[in-house]
Amino acid sequence: MIRLHRMLSLLGWGPLRRFGLSGLLGLFGWVSLAGVAAAQDAPALRVTATLQAPAEVRVGATVRLQLEVLTPTWFTQPPVLPALDIPGALVTPPQGEGELVRDSVGGVSYSGVRYTYVLSPTAAGAMQVPALAVTAKVGPGGQEASGASKPVSFSVLAQTAAAGQVVAAGKMAVTQEFSMAPDPLIVGGRITRSVTQRAEGVQAMLLPAVELPDLPGFKRYPREPEVTALDDGRGGFVGGQRIDRADYVAQEAGTFRLPPLTVRWRDGATGEPAKSELPGRAFTVAPAPVVAPPFSLAEDLARLRHGLRWVIPTVWLVAGAGVLAALGALWLTWPWWRRLAAALRVRARQAAAVRRASEAWHWRQWRREARQRPDSLGAFYRWLHVATGAQDLRAAVAPLGRGARQTATAVLQDAYGAPKPATAWRGVLAQSSIQWRQAWRGRQAPTPAHTLPRDLNPTQAGRTATAQEAQGIQ
């Protein structure tokens, strides 16, 4: 109302009264056009980076890097943030949504989003944050715009030796809990001790582990630590939390006491060492009660085993082992056995061929033929050829004398020359062949090894000729 009254009073001023309302509207239009021209000349994307750090940054402290992305128009797509990697520092990128911000530079209004990177130095020295390039789509047409921040740097101091294993923190809370199962505790029961560290402005992975010591009379089973990040509900970083747990299982009855614990850190606001004392606790462990089971477990197991009891004789086991060993040896030596079987088959065929070519085998064939087939002399002539080497009966019996020749002639006449078939000659031939065989085998007796061949021994040759002449005369 005051501003409107002043404007109306100006309209009553002389020069402005002559200038009129139209002149005032023109002045307002000129100012608006100047603002639009300034907005058009402004960059489409403005990126700035600032550090939120204490006066002295030490190893383990938390430094916030705020990255503001502003535009004079509006965003059609969220900005694309770069990945940040700084040697000697643990970097946590922005989580969740950014913070809406507004600013005015050179008469141009900007609006945008502020993102926060969390930096945790792990080594002393100078830390250099490079320029961060950001891209986004802005304006009514979704035009792609880009911008980059300026590099920033800070120095990190080493921790003092007096601090020991500590972590810088804005606000630190350390608590512990005990739980028992069962309660009251008995032998075989369990005590669980949990120590929770909750620190603002500290990443959870930088919180130190709390050592939970052994306790005589108990068996300690440490658990994996639970490490979680704390946020403000919108994804913004707040701090970290670490929970260390260990289970203590009672091994004997008695009274025991878990020792107190001390957790040390360095206050981020004052830079002074700080600590939290966690008191110990005494426990009484009662003996485990002896409870009789409502039924006999041993009898039930024996009853179950009775129907499933198999007794295998030792002889069967030995025999089975022997069979398995024999099968294994046979499988390993199978190629050798195959070669041996092939060689034995060849030897058997050779022995059978020699046996079938012998005089004795042909003699048995002839005797079988003489009993079974009265009209055939095939086996007889095969034996005759093997025994004497002659092709016909007359030539074979010629050296045996006149009686043998007469018998052979009569047999041939009865077998082939009689008008009616007769069978009496077969008996005569069978009986005579026995005598002829004996005579031929005697004539073919083996010559002693020291005796000369007949063509080189005149005495032996003369004896043979004389014997043949005598048989011929007979």
Protein backbone atom coordinates (compact mmCIF):
# COMPACT_ATOMS: atom_id res chain seq x y z
CA MET A 1 0.00 0.00 0.00
CA ILE A 2 2.85 2.41 0.81
CA ARG A 3 4.54 1.67 -2.51
CA LEU A 4 1.24 2.22 -4.39
CA HIS A 5 0.70 5.53 -2.57
CA ARG A 6 4.18 6.70 -3.55
CA MET A 7 3.55 5.77 -7.19
CA LEU A 8 0.27 7.74 -7.21
CA SER A 9 2.01 10.72 -5.61
CA LEU A 10 4.63 10.60 -8.37
CA LEU A 11 1.85 10.74 -10.94
CA GLY A 12 0.78 14.03 -9.35
CA TRP A 13 4.32 15.42 -9.78
CA GLY A 14 4.52 18.02 -12.52
CA PRO A 15 6.90 16.45 -15.03
CA LEU A 16 5.36 13.02 -14.66
CA ARG A 17 1.87 14.53 -14.95
CA ARG A 18 2.86 15.91 -18.32
CA PHE A 19 4.59 12.62 -19.23
CA GLY A 20 1.36 10.76 -18.54
CA LEU A 21 0.43 7.16 -17.87
CA SER A 22 1.54 6.02 -21.31
CA GLY A 23 5.06 7.17 -20.61
CA LEU A 24 5.13 5.24 -17.35
CA LEU A 25 4.05 2.03 -19.08
CA GLY A 26 6.78 2.55 -21.67
CA LEU A 27 9.35 2.89 -18.91
CA PHE A 28 8.19 -0.39 -17.37
CA GLY A 29 8.40 -2.12 -20.77
CA TRP A 30 11.95 -0.89 -21.29
CA VAL A 31 13.01 -2.29 -17.93
CA SER A 32 11.38 -5.66 -18.75
CA LEU A 33 13.11 -5.85 -22.14
CA ALA A 34 16.43 -5.11 -20.47
CA GLY A 35 15.83 -7.98 -18.02
CA VAL A 36 14.94 -10.39 -20.84
CA ALA A 37 18.05 -9.38 -22.79
CA ALA A 38 20.21 -9.94 -19.71
CA ALA A 39 18.64 -13.40 -19.20
CA GLN A 40 19.30 -14.28 -22.82
CA ASP A 41 22.97 -13.30 -22.46
CA ALA A 42 23.38 -15.39 -19.25
CA PRO A 43 24.91 -18.89 -19.53
CA ALA A 44 22.38 -21.72 -19.90
CA LEU A 45 24.07 -23.73 -17.11
CA ARG A 46 26.02 -22.34 -14.18
CA VAL A 47 28.08 -24.83 -12.09
CA THR A 48 29.88 -23.86 -8.87
CA ALA A 49 31.72 -26.01 -6.30
CA THR A 50 32.34 -25.00 -2.68
CA LEU A 51 33.96 -26.83 0.25
CA GLN A 52 32.34 -27.11 3.67
CA ALA A 53 35.29 -28.06 5.91
CA PRO A 54 36.58 -27.26 9.42
CA ALA A 55 39.55 -24.96 9.92
CA GLU A 56 41.89 -27.94 10.29
CA VAL A 57 41.15 -31.04 8.27
CA ARG A 58 42.76 -34.17 9.67
CA VAL A 59 42.88 -37.73 8.42
CA GLY A 60 39.49 -39.36 9.02
CA ALA A 61 37.58 -36.06 9.08
CA THR A 62 34.60 -35.37 6.83
CA VAL A 63 34.62 -32.64 4.17
CA ARG A 64 31.49 -31.75 2.23
CA LEU A 65 31.78 -30.64 -1.38
CA GLN A 66 28.64 -28.79 -2.47
CA LEU A 67 28.01 -28.66 -6.21
CA GLU A 68 25.33 -26.17 -7.35
CA VAL A 69 23.84 -26.58 -10.83
CA LEU A 70 21.75 -23.49 -11.80
CA THR A 71 19.93 -22.37 -14.94
CA PRO A 72 18.06 -19.15 -15.80
CA THR A 73 15.23 -21.22 -17.37
CA TRP A 74 14.21 -24.65 -16.10
CA PHE A 75 15.36 -28.27 -16.25
CA THR A 76 13.56 -30.70 -18.52
CA GLN A 77 15.79 -33.58 -17.39
CA PRO A 78 17.80 -33.98 -14.16
CA PRO A 79 21.46 -32.93 -14.43
CA VAL A 80 24.02 -35.65 -15.15
CA LEU A 81 26.73 -35.51 -12.47
CA PRO A 82 30.31 -36.67 -13.02
CA ALA A 83 32.08 -39.40 -11.07
CA LEU A 84 34.64 -38.03 -8.63
CA ASP A 85 37.82 -39.89 -7.71
CA ILE A 86 40.43 -38.26 -5.48
CA PRO A 87 43.62 -40.17 -4.58
CA GLY A 88 44.02 -40.43 -0.81
CA ALA A 89 40.35 -39.81 -0.04
CA LEU A 90 37.19 -41.85 0.22
CA VAL A 91 34.44 -40.22 -1.87
CA THR A 92 30.72 -40.83 -1.41
CA PRO A 93 28.65 -39.49 -4.34
CA PRO A 94 25.36 -37.67 -3.79
CA GLN A 95 22.53 -39.90 -2.64
CA GLY A 96 18.85 -39.27 -3.26
CA GLU A 97 17.41 -35.91 -4.27
CA GLY A 98 19.31 -32.64 -4.29
CA GLU A 99 18.41 -29.45 -2.45
CA LEU A 100 16.51 -26.77 -4.40
CA VAL A 101 18.33 -23.41 -4.46
CA ARG A 102 17.79 -19.96 -5.99
CA ASP A 103 20.31 -17.21 -6.72
CA SER A 104 20.59 -13.92 -8.58
CA VAL A 105 23.74 -12.93 -10.46
CA GLY A 106 23.99 -9.68 -12.45
CA GLY A 107 20.27 -9.11 -12.26
CA VAL A 108 19.53 -12.59 -13.64
CA SER A 109 17.58 -15.04 -11.49
CA TYR A 110 18.85 -18.60 -11.36
CA SER A 111 17.21 -21.71 -9.96
CA GLY A 112 18.59 -25.20 -9.65
CA VAL A 113 19.76 -28.02 -7.42
CA ARG A 114 22.55 -28.39 -4.89
CA TYR A 115 24.30 -31.78 -4.59
CA THR A 116 26.70 -32.83 -1.83
CA TYR A 117 29.76 -35.08 -2.19
CA VAL A 118 31.18 -36.45 1.08
CA LEU A 119 34.99 -36.62 1.19
CA SER A 120 36.87 -38.55 3.88
CA PRO A 121 40.67 -38.13 3.65
CA THR A 122 42.68 -41.28 4.35
CA ALA A 123 46.14 -39.75 3.92
CA ALA A 124 47.75 -36.45 4.85
CA GLY A 125 48.73 -33.90 2.23
CA ALA A 126 47.19 -31.59 -0.36
CA MET A 127 43.86 -32.73 -1.83
CA GLN A 128 42.92 -31.38 -5.26
CA VAL A 129 39.31 -31.51 -6.42
CA PRO A 130 39.29 -31.25 -10.23
CA ALA A 131 36.79 -29.31 -12.31
CA LEU A 132 33.44 -31.12 -12.42
CA ALA A 133 31.62 -31.06 -15.76
CA VAL A 134 27.81 -31.29 -15.65
CA THR A 135 25.32 -31.68 -18.51
CA ALA A 136 21.58 -31.08 -18.46
CA LYS A 137 18.61 -30.39 -20.72
CA VAL A 138 17.01 -26.99 -20.13
CA GLY A 139 14.53 -24.63 -21.70
CA PRO A 140 11.29 -25.15 -23.59
CA GLY A 141 12.97 -27.18 -26.35
CA GLY A 142 14.97 -29.41 -24.03
CA GLN A 143 18.23 -27.94 -25.31
CA GLU A 144 21.31 -29.71 -23.97
CA ALA A 145 23.57 -27.44 -21.93
CA SER A 146 26.84 -28.04 -20.14
CA GLY A 147 28.99 -26.32 -17.57
CA ALA A 148 31.97 -26.98 -15.33
CA SER A 149 33.04 -25.87 -11.88
CA LYS A 150 36.42 -24.46 -10.96
CA PRO A 151 39.01 -26.69 -9.25
CA VAL A 152 39.26 -26.40 -5.46
CA SER A 153 41.83 -27.74 -3.02
CA PHE A 154 42.40 -28.23 0.69
CA SER A 155 45.12 -29.56 2.98
CA VAL A 156 44.88 -32.59 5.26
CA LEU A 157 46.87 -32.87 8.50
CA ALA A 158 48.08 -36.17 9.94
CA GLN A 159 46.62 -37.53 13.15
CA THR A 160 48.62 -36.96 16.31
CA ALA A 161 50.31 -39.93 17.96
CA ALA A 162 48.40 -39.36 21.19
CA ALA A 163 45.08 -39.91 19.47
CA GLY A 164 45.78 -43.56 18.71
CA GLN A 165 43.22 -45.37 16.59
CA VAL A 166 40.51 -42.72 16.50
CA VAL A 167 38.06 -41.23 14.06
CA ALA A 168 37.04 -37.61 13.73
CA ALA A 169 33.36 -37.06 14.37
CA GLY A 170 30.95 -34.20 14.79
CA LYS A 171 28.81 -36.06 17.31
CA MET A 172 29.52 -39.57 18.57
CA ALA A 173 27.25 -41.92 20.53
CA VAL A 174 28.41 -45.32 21.78
CA THR A 175 25.97 -47.75 23.40
CA GLN A 176 25.94 -51.43 24.31
CA GLU A 177 23.32 -54.14 24.86
CA PHE A 178 23.31 -57.57 26.52
CA SER A 179 20.89 -60.39 25.75
CA MET A 180 20.74 -63.89 27.25
CA ALA A 181 19.15 -67.09 26.05
CA PRO A 182 17.83 -68.61 28.20
CA ASP A 183 17.32 -66.20 31.06
CA PRO A 184 18.46 -67.13 33.73
CA LEU A 185 21.60 -68.47 32.11
CA ILE A 186 22.58 -72.15 32.25
CA VAL A 187 25.46 -74.18 30.84
CA GLY A 188 25.05 -74.24 27.06
CA GLY A 189 23.22 -70.90 27.08
CA ARG A 190 24.30 -67.81 25.16
CA ILE A 191 25.15 -64.18 25.99
CA THR A 192 25.15 -61.70 23.10
CA ARG A 193 27.06 -58.44 23.59
CA SER A 194 26.38 -55.67 21.05
CA VAL A 195 28.30 -52.38 20.80
CA THR A 196 26.80 -49.65 18.57
CA GLN A 197 28.76 -46.62 17.33
CA ARG A 198 26.68 -43.83 15.80
CA ALA A 199 28.68 -40.87 14.43
CA GLU A 200 27.51 -37.77 12.58
CA GLY A 201 29.57 -36.62 9.64
CA VAL A 202 31.60 -39.85 9.49
CA GLN A 203 31.28 -42.57 6.93
CA ALA A 204 30.35 -45.93 8.43
CA MET A 205 33.30 -47.78 6.94
CA LEU A 206 35.71 -45.43 8.73
CA LEU A 207 34.36 -46.27 12.17
CA PRO A 208 36.86 -48.47 14.03
CA ALA A 209 36.05 -52.02 15.11
CA VAL A 210 35.39 -52.59 18.80
CA GLU A 211 37.36 -55.54 20.15
CA LEU A 212 35.18 -57.92 22.16
CA PRO A 213 37.64 -60.03 24.21
CA ASP A 214 37.41 -63.69 25.23
CA LEU A 215 35.93 -64.67 28.57
CA PRO A 216 37.15 -67.69 30.59
CA GLY A 217 34.42 -70.29 30.93
CA PHE A 218 32.78 -69.18 27.67
CA LYS A 219 33.30 -69.94 23.99
CA ARG A 220 33.30 -66.70 21.95
CA TYR A 221 31.74 -66.61 18.45
CA PRO A 222 32.19 -63.16 16.80
CA ARG A 223 29.64 -62.04 14.23
CA GLU A 224 30.10 -60.02 11.08
CA PRO A 225 29.80 -56.26 11.81
CA GLU A 226 26.75 -54.36 10.58
CA VAL A 227 27.82 -51.17 8.78
CA THR A 228 25.10 -48.78 7.59
CA ALA A 229 24.97 -45.18 6.38
CA LEU A 230 22.71 -42.62 8.07
CA ASP A 231 20.69 -40.19 5.97
CA ASP A 232 18.13 -37.46 6.51
CA GLY A 233 15.24 -39.40 4.95
CA ARG A 234 15.72 -37.87 1.49
CA GLY A 235 19.03 -39.56 0.71
CA GLY A 236 21.18 -36.78 2.18
CA PHE A 237 24.28 -37.93 4.06
CA VAL A 238 24.17 -37.59 7.85
CA GLY A 239 26.73 -40.06 9.21
CA GLY A 240 27.48 -43.72 9.77
CA GLN A 241 26.66 -46.52 12.16
CA ARG A 242 28.58 -49.68 13.08
CA ILE A 243 27.41 -52.54 15.28
CA ASP A 244 29.88 -55.14 16.58
CA ARG A 245 28.46 -58.32 18.14
CA ALA A 246 29.81 -61.48 19.74
CA ASP A 247 28.06 -64.53 21.18
CA TYR A 248 29.45 -66.09 24.37
CA VAL A 249 28.34 -69.71 24.95
CA ALA A 250 28.64 -70.90 28.57
CA GLN A 251 30.87 -73.95 28.98
CA GLU A 252 30.77 -74.32 32.77
CA ALA A 253 28.76 -73.17 35.76
CA GLY A 254 29.84 -70.29 38.01
CA THR A 255 29.94 -66.50 38.22
CA PHE A 256 31.65 -64.59 35.43
CA ARG A 257 32.08 -60.96 34.44
CA LEU A 258 32.43 -59.43 30.99
CA PRO A 259 35.12 -56.71 31.15
CA PRO A 260 34.42 -52.99 30.47
CA LEU A 261 35.25 -51.49 27.07
CA THR A 262 36.71 -48.14 26.00
CA VAL A 263 35.99 -46.59 22.59
CA ARG A 264 38.21 -43.60 21.62
CA TRP A 265 37.78 -40.96 18.93
CA ARG A 266 38.63 -37.33 18.24
CA ASP A 267 35.99 -34.63 18.57
CA GLY A 268 35.62 -32.89 15.22
CA ALA A 269 34.50 -29.60 16.78
CA THR A 270 37.27 -29.16 19.36
CA GLY A 271 39.94 -31.43 17.90
CA GLU A 272 40.46 -32.96 21.34
CA PRO A 273 40.57 -36.72 22.00
CA ALA A 274 37.40 -38.18 23.48
CA LYS A 275 36.30 -41.57 24.70
CA SER A 276 33.28 -43.55 25.86
CA GLU A 277 33.43 -46.00 28.76
CA LEU A 278 31.15 -49.03 28.50
CA PRO A 279 30.73 -50.84 31.83
CA GLY A 280 31.11 -54.58 32.20
CA ARG A 281 28.52 -56.96 33.58
CA ALA A 282 28.53 -60.00 35.85
CA PHE A 283 26.60 -63.19 35.01
CA THR A 284 25.80 -66.31 36.97
CA VAL A 285 25.66 -69.55 35.04
CA ALA A 286 23.68 -72.40 36.60
CA PRO A 287 24.32 -76.07 35.82
CA ALA A 288 22.22 -77.51 33.07
CA PRO A 289 19.28 -79.47 34.51
CA VAL A 290 19.18 -83.22 33.97
CA VAL A 291 15.85 -84.03 32.39
CA ALA A 292 14.84 -87.64 31.88
CA PRO A 293 13.29 -88.21 28.46
CA PRO A 294 9.65 -89.34 28.45
CA PHE A 295 10.64 -92.42 26.44
CA SER A 296 13.76 -94.56 26.08
CA LEU A 297 15.67 -93.31 23.10
CA ALA A 298 18.13 -96.22 23.22
CA GLU A 299 15.32 -98.80 23.05
CA ASP A 300 13.69 -97.03 20.09
CA LEU A 301 16.99 -96.89 18.21
CA ALA A 302 17.66 -100.56 18.94
CA ARG A 303 14.15 -101.45 17.70
CA LEU A 304 14.69 -99.49 14.51
CA ARG A 305 18.08 -101.11 13.91
CA HIS A 306 16.69 -104.61 14.51
CA GLY A 307 14.67 -104.64 11.30
CA LEU A 308 17.49 -103.14 9.28
CA ARG A 309 20.33 -105.28 10.62
CA TRP A 310 22.10 -107.16 7.86
CA VAL A 311 24.83 -109.66 8.70
CA ILE A 312 27.16 -110.38 5.80
CA PRO A 313 29.40 -113.44 6.29
CA THR A 314 33.11 -112.83 6.18
CA VAL A 315 33.50 -115.50 3.51
CA TRP A 316 31.19 -113.51 1.22
CA LEU A 317 33.23 -110.38 1.76
CA VAL A 318 36.48 -112.21 1.00
CA ALA A 319 34.95 -113.87 -2.05
CA GLY A 320 33.54 -110.59 -3.28
CA ALA A 321 36.90 -108.89 -2.84
CA GLY A 322 38.57 -111.74 -4.72
CA VAL A 323 36.07 -111.49 -7.58
CA LEU A 324 36.55 -107.75 -7.80
CA ALA A 325 40.33 -108.18 -7.79
CA ALA A 326 40.10 -110.85 -10.51
CA LEU A 327 37.83 -108.66 -12.63
CA GLY A 328 40.22 -105.75 -12.18
CA ALA A 329 43.21 -107.87 -13.19
CA LEU A 330 41.29 -109.25 -16.18
CA TRP A 331 40.35 -105.75 -17.29
CA LEU A 332 43.93 -104.54 -16.97
CA THR A 333 45.39 -107.55 -18.84
CA TRP A 334 42.57 -107.93 -21.36
CA PRO A 335 44.72 -107.07 -24.45
CA TRP A 336 47.27 -109.71 -23.43
CA TRP A 337 44.52 -112.32 -22.97
CA ARG A 338 43.11 -111.52 -26.42
CA ARG A 339 46.51 -112.05 -28.02
CA LEU A 340 46.96 -115.30 -26.08
CA ALA A 341 43.53 -116.59 -27.18
CA ALA A 342 44.31 -115.76 -30.82
CA ALA A 343 47.64 -117.62 -30.60
CA LEU A 344 45.95 -120.63 -28.98
CA ARG A 345 43.34 -120.73 -31.73
CA VAL A 346 46.07 -120.73 -34.38
CA ARG A 347 47.92 -123.52 -32.56
CA ALA A 348 44.71 -125.54 -32.23
CA ARG A 349 43.98 -125.22 -35.95
CA GLN A 350 47.54 -126.26 -36.79
CA ALA A 351 47.37 -129.27 -34.44
CA ALA A 352 44.02 -130.31 -35.92
CA ALA A 353 45.44 -130.04 -39.44
CA VAL A 354 48.46 -132.18 -38.47
CA ARG A 355 46.20 -134.72 -36.79
CA ARG A 356 43.86 -134.94 -39.82
CA ALA A 357 46.89 -135.41 -42.07
CA SER A 358 48.28 -138.31 -40.00
CA GLU A 359 48.04 -142.01 -40.94
CA ALA A 360 46.34 -142.88 -37.65
CA TRP A 361 43.49 -140.41 -38.24
CA HIS A 362 42.87 -141.75 -41.79
CA TRP A 363 43.03 -145.32 -40.45
CA ARG A 364 40.25 -144.58 -37.96
CA GLN A 365 38.19 -142.96 -40.71
CA TRP A 366 38.60 -146.09 -42.85
CA ARG A 367 37.61 -148.39 -40.00
CA ARG A 368 34.49 -146.27 -39.36
CA GLU A 369 33.65 -146.36 -43.07
CA ALA A 370 34.09 -150.15 -43.16
CA ARG A 371 31.41 -150.49 -40.45
CA GLN A 372 28.92 -147.86 -41.67
CA ARG A 373 29.10 -147.56 -45.52
CA PRO A 374 29.56 -150.87 -47.38
CA ASP A 375 29.36 -149.27 -50.83
CA SER A 376 32.15 -146.68 -50.37
CA LEU A 377 35.97 -147.00 -50.41
CA GLY A 378 36.85 -143.28 -50.32
CA ALA A 379 38.26 -143.38 -46.78
CA PHE A 380 40.17 -146.61 -47.63
CA TYR A 381 42.00 -145.08 -50.60
CA ARG A 382 42.82 -141.89 -48.65
CA TRP A 383 44.36 -144.00 -45.89
CA LEU A 384 46.14 -146.15 -48.49
CA HIS A 385 47.71 -143.07 -50.06
CA VAL A 386 48.86 -141.67 -46.70
CA ALA A 387 50.17 -145.04 -45.48
CA THR A 388 52.00 -146.15 -48.67
CA GLY A 389 52.05 -143.19 -51.02
CA ALA A 390 50.45 -145.39 -53.75
CA GLN A 391 47.37 -144.35 -55.71
CA ASP A 392 45.87 -147.89 -56.19
CA LEU A 393 45.65 -151.11 -54.18
CA ARG A 394 47.72 -153.32 -56.51
CA ALA A 395 50.71 -150.96 -56.43
CA ALA A 396 50.46 -150.70 -52.65
CA VAL A 397 50.46 -154.47 -51.95
CA ALA A 398 52.99 -155.38 -54.64
CA PRO A 399 55.94 -155.38 -52.20
CA LEU A 400 54.02 -157.57 -49.67
CA GLY A 401 54.20 -160.86 -51.61
CA ARG A 402 52.00 -163.11 -53.72
CA GLY A 403 49.38 -163.74 -51.04
CA ALA A 404 48.72 -160.05 -50.56
CA ARG A 405 48.50 -159.51 -54.29
CA GLN A 406 46.03 -162.38 -54.70
CA THR A 407 43.85 -161.04 -51.88
CA ALA A 408 43.84 -157.55 -53.39
CA THR A 409 42.92 -158.92 -56.84
CA ALA A 410 40.03 -160.93 -55.40
CA VAL A 411 38.72 -157.96 -53.46
CA LEU A 412 38.79 -155.73 -56.52
CA GLN A 413 37.00 -158.33 -58.64
CA ASP A 414 34.27 -158.81 -56.02
CA ALA A 415 33.87 -155.05 -55.53
CA TYR A 416 33.87 -153.92 -59.15
CA GLY A 417 33.66 -157.03 -61.40
CA ALA A 418 30.85 -159.14 -59.90
CA PRO A 419 27.51 -158.98 -61.77
CA LYS A 420 25.63 -158.76 -58.47
CA PRO A 421 26.73 -156.55 -55.62
CA ALA A 422 28.38 -158.46 -52.82
CA THR A 423 29.48 -157.46 -49.37
CA ALA A 424 31.76 -160.29 -48.31
CA TRP A 425 34.76 -158.62 -49.86
CA ARG A 426 34.47 -155.73 -47.36
CA GLY A 427 35.14 -157.99 -44.42
CA VAL A 428 38.08 -159.55 -46.22
CA LEU A 429 39.44 -156.08 -47.07
CA ALA A 430 38.98 -154.86 -43.50
CA GLN A 431 40.77 -157.88 -42.04
CA SER A 432 43.55 -157.83 -44.65
CA SER A 433 44.12 -154.09 -44.21
CA ILE A 434 45.07 -154.77 -40.57
CA GLN A 435 47.84 -157.14 -41.67
CA TRP A 436 48.95 -154.85 -44.49
CA ARG A 437 49.13 -151.87 -42.08
CA GLN A 438 51.38 -153.80 -39.73
CA ALA A 439 53.66 -154.76 -42.64
CA TRP A 440 53.79 -151.24 -44.02
CA ARG A 441 54.50 -149.73 -40.60
CA GLY A 442 57.30 -152.25 -40.10
CA ARG A 443 58.81 -151.34 -43.42
CA GLN A 444 58.57 -147.61 -42.56
CA ALA A 445 60.31 -147.96 -39.18
CA PRO A 446 62.50 -144.91 -38.47
CA THR A 447 66.16 -145.21 -39.39
CA PRO A 448 68.60 -144.77 -36.49
CA ALA A 449 70.29 -141.43 -36.38
CA HIS A 450 73.75 -142.97 -37.00
CA THR A 451 72.62 -145.03 -40.05
CA LEU A 452 73.50 -143.83 -43.55
CA PRO A 453 70.80 -143.33 -46.17
CA ARG A 454 69.99 -146.43 -48.25
CA ASP A 455 71.45 -145.01 -51.48
CA LEU A 456 74.77 -144.53 -49.64
CA ASN A 457 74.72 -147.88 -47.70
CA PRO A 458 75.27 -150.83 -50.10
CA THR A 459 74.79 -153.42 -47.36
CA GLN A 460 71.40 -152.06 -46.34
CA ALA A 461 70.39 -151.68 -49.99
CA GLY A 462 71.33 -155.33 -50.69
CA ARG A 463 69.32 -156.55 -47.70
CA THR A 464 66.31 -154.65 -48.85
CA ALA A 465 66.54 -156.04 -52.40
CA THR A 466 66.94 -159.61 -51.12
CA ALA A 467 63.91 -159.25 -48.88
CA GLN A 468 61.80 -157.95 -51.72
CA GLU A 469 62.85 -160.83 -53.99
CA ALA A 470 62.00 -163.34 -51.28
CA GLN A 471 58.53 -161.81 -50.78
CA GLY A 472 58.04 -161.88 -54.54
CA ILE A 473 58.85 -165.59 -54.71
CA GLN A 474 56.36 -166.26 -51.92
